[in-house]
Amino acid sequence: MAVMTEGQIKKGARITGNDRSQLANELVSEYKSGASIRALAEKTGRSYGFIHRILTESGAQLRSRGGATRGGKDKMMSSQNKATDSAS
């Protein structure tokens, strides 16, 4: 992983050509191994958007969002209860 070694990617520097292809291959490999986009962004010192764009350009199948969704189970149950109450 020569490209992702700390200090080699200058923040804000354009990464093009062979360097970009090599970085993309490394990011895709780590992402497929389970690393999150946020973890890759932190590791490389680049933004979440940059990592997301590189993965997308490389054709990587992005995982669905993890963690709790807004409102969660309690909110859904509450709206179901309201629906049954109004039907009575």
Protein backbone atom coordinates (compact mmCIF):
# COMPACT_ATOMS: atom_id res chain seq x y z
CA MET A 1 0.00 0.00 0.00
CA ALA A 2 2.47 2.59 -1.09
CA VAL A 3 -0.04 5.29 -1.95
CA MET A 4 -1.93 5.31 1.34
CA THR A 5 1.14 5.54 3.58
CA GLU A 6 0.67 8.49 5.90
CA GLY A 7 2.25 11.69 4.68
CA GLN A 8 2.41 10.69 1.01
CA ILE A 9 -1.02 12.09 0.11
CA LYS A 10 -0.86 15.84 0.50
CA LYS A 11 -4.19 17.26 1.63
CA GLY A 12 -5.98 18.93 -1.26
CA ALA A 13 -3.45 17.76 -3.85
CA ARG A 14 -4.86 16.42 -7.09
CA ILE A 15 -4.37 12.72 -7.55
CA THR A 16 -4.39 11.76 -11.20
CA GLY A 17 -3.27 9.10 -13.62
CA ASN A 18 -1.43 6.09 -12.30
CA ASP A 19 -1.41 7.37 -8.70
CA ARG A 20 -5.20 7.71 -8.76
CA SER A 21 -5.64 4.23 -10.23
CA GLN A 22 -3.33 2.73 -7.61
CA LEU A 23 -5.11 4.57 -4.79
CA ALA A 24 -8.50 3.46 -6.17
CA ASN A 25 -7.39 -0.18 -6.23
CA GLU A 26 -6.17 0.03 -2.64
CA LEU A 27 -9.33 1.77 -1.43
CA VAL A 28 -11.59 -0.74 -3.17
CA SER A 29 -9.62 -3.61 -1.69
CA GLU A 30 -9.85 -2.22 1.85
CA TYR A 31 -13.52 -1.31 1.41
CA LYS A 32 -14.33 -4.83 0.23
CA SER A 33 -12.44 -6.14 3.27
CA GLY A 34 -14.88 -4.28 5.52
CA ALA A 35 -13.36 -0.83 6.05
CA SER A 36 -15.91 1.99 6.13
CA ILE A 37 -15.74 5.04 3.88
CA ARG A 38 -15.24 7.19 6.98
CA ALA A 39 -12.35 5.00 8.17
CA LEU A 40 -10.71 5.20 4.75
CA ALA A 41 -11.17 8.97 4.69
CA GLU A 42 -9.54 9.32 8.09
CA LYS A 43 -6.69 6.98 7.16
CA THR A 44 -5.87 8.84 3.94
CA GLY A 45 -6.57 12.35 5.20
CA ARG A 46 -9.08 12.89 2.40
CA SER A 47 -12.77 13.74 2.62
CA TYR A 48 -15.66 11.30 2.79
CA GLY A 49 -16.84 12.65 -0.59
CA PHE A 50 -13.47 12.03 -2.20
CA ILE A 51 -13.37 8.41 -1.03
CA HIS A 52 -17.00 7.87 -2.06
CA ARG A 53 -16.27 9.30 -5.52
CA ILE A 54 -13.17 7.13 -6.01
CA LEU A 55 -15.08 3.99 -4.97
CA THR A 56 -17.99 4.88 -7.26
CA GLU A 57 -15.70 5.64 -10.22
CA SER A 58 -14.00 2.29 -9.65
CA GLY A 59 -17.30 0.44 -9.86
CA ALA A 60 -17.23 -0.79 -6.27
CA GLN A 61 -20.56 -2.04 -4.96
CA LEU A 62 -21.26 0.27 -2.02
CA ARG A 63 -22.78 -1.21 1.09
CA SER A 64 -26.05 0.12 2.44
CA ARG A 65 -25.98 2.57 5.28
CA GLY A 66 -25.41 1.06 8.70
CA GLY A 67 -26.66 2.07 12.10
CA ALA A 68 -30.07 3.13 13.30
CA THR A 69 -32.45 4.88 10.96
CA ARG A 70 -34.21 8.08 11.95
CA GLY A 71 -36.90 7.48 14.49
CA GLY A 72 -36.19 3.80 14.74
CA LYS A 73 -38.62 1.14 15.81
CA ASP A 74 -40.38 3.25 18.46
CA LYS A 75 -41.45 5.91 15.97
CA MET A 76 -42.76 3.29 13.55
CA MET A 77 -44.76 1.59 16.32
CA SER A 78 -46.16 4.97 17.39
CA SER A 79 -47.40 5.77 13.88
CA GLN A 80 -48.99 2.33 13.59
CA ASN A 81 -50.82 2.87 16.88
CA LYS A 82 -52.12 6.26 15.66
CA ALA A 83 -53.41 4.63 12.48
CA THR A 84 -55.32 1.95 14.39
CA ASP A 85 -56.67 4.50 16.89
CA SER A 86 -58.08 6.73 14.14
CA ALA A 87 -59.67 3.72 12.40
CA SER A 88 -61.70 2.90 15.55
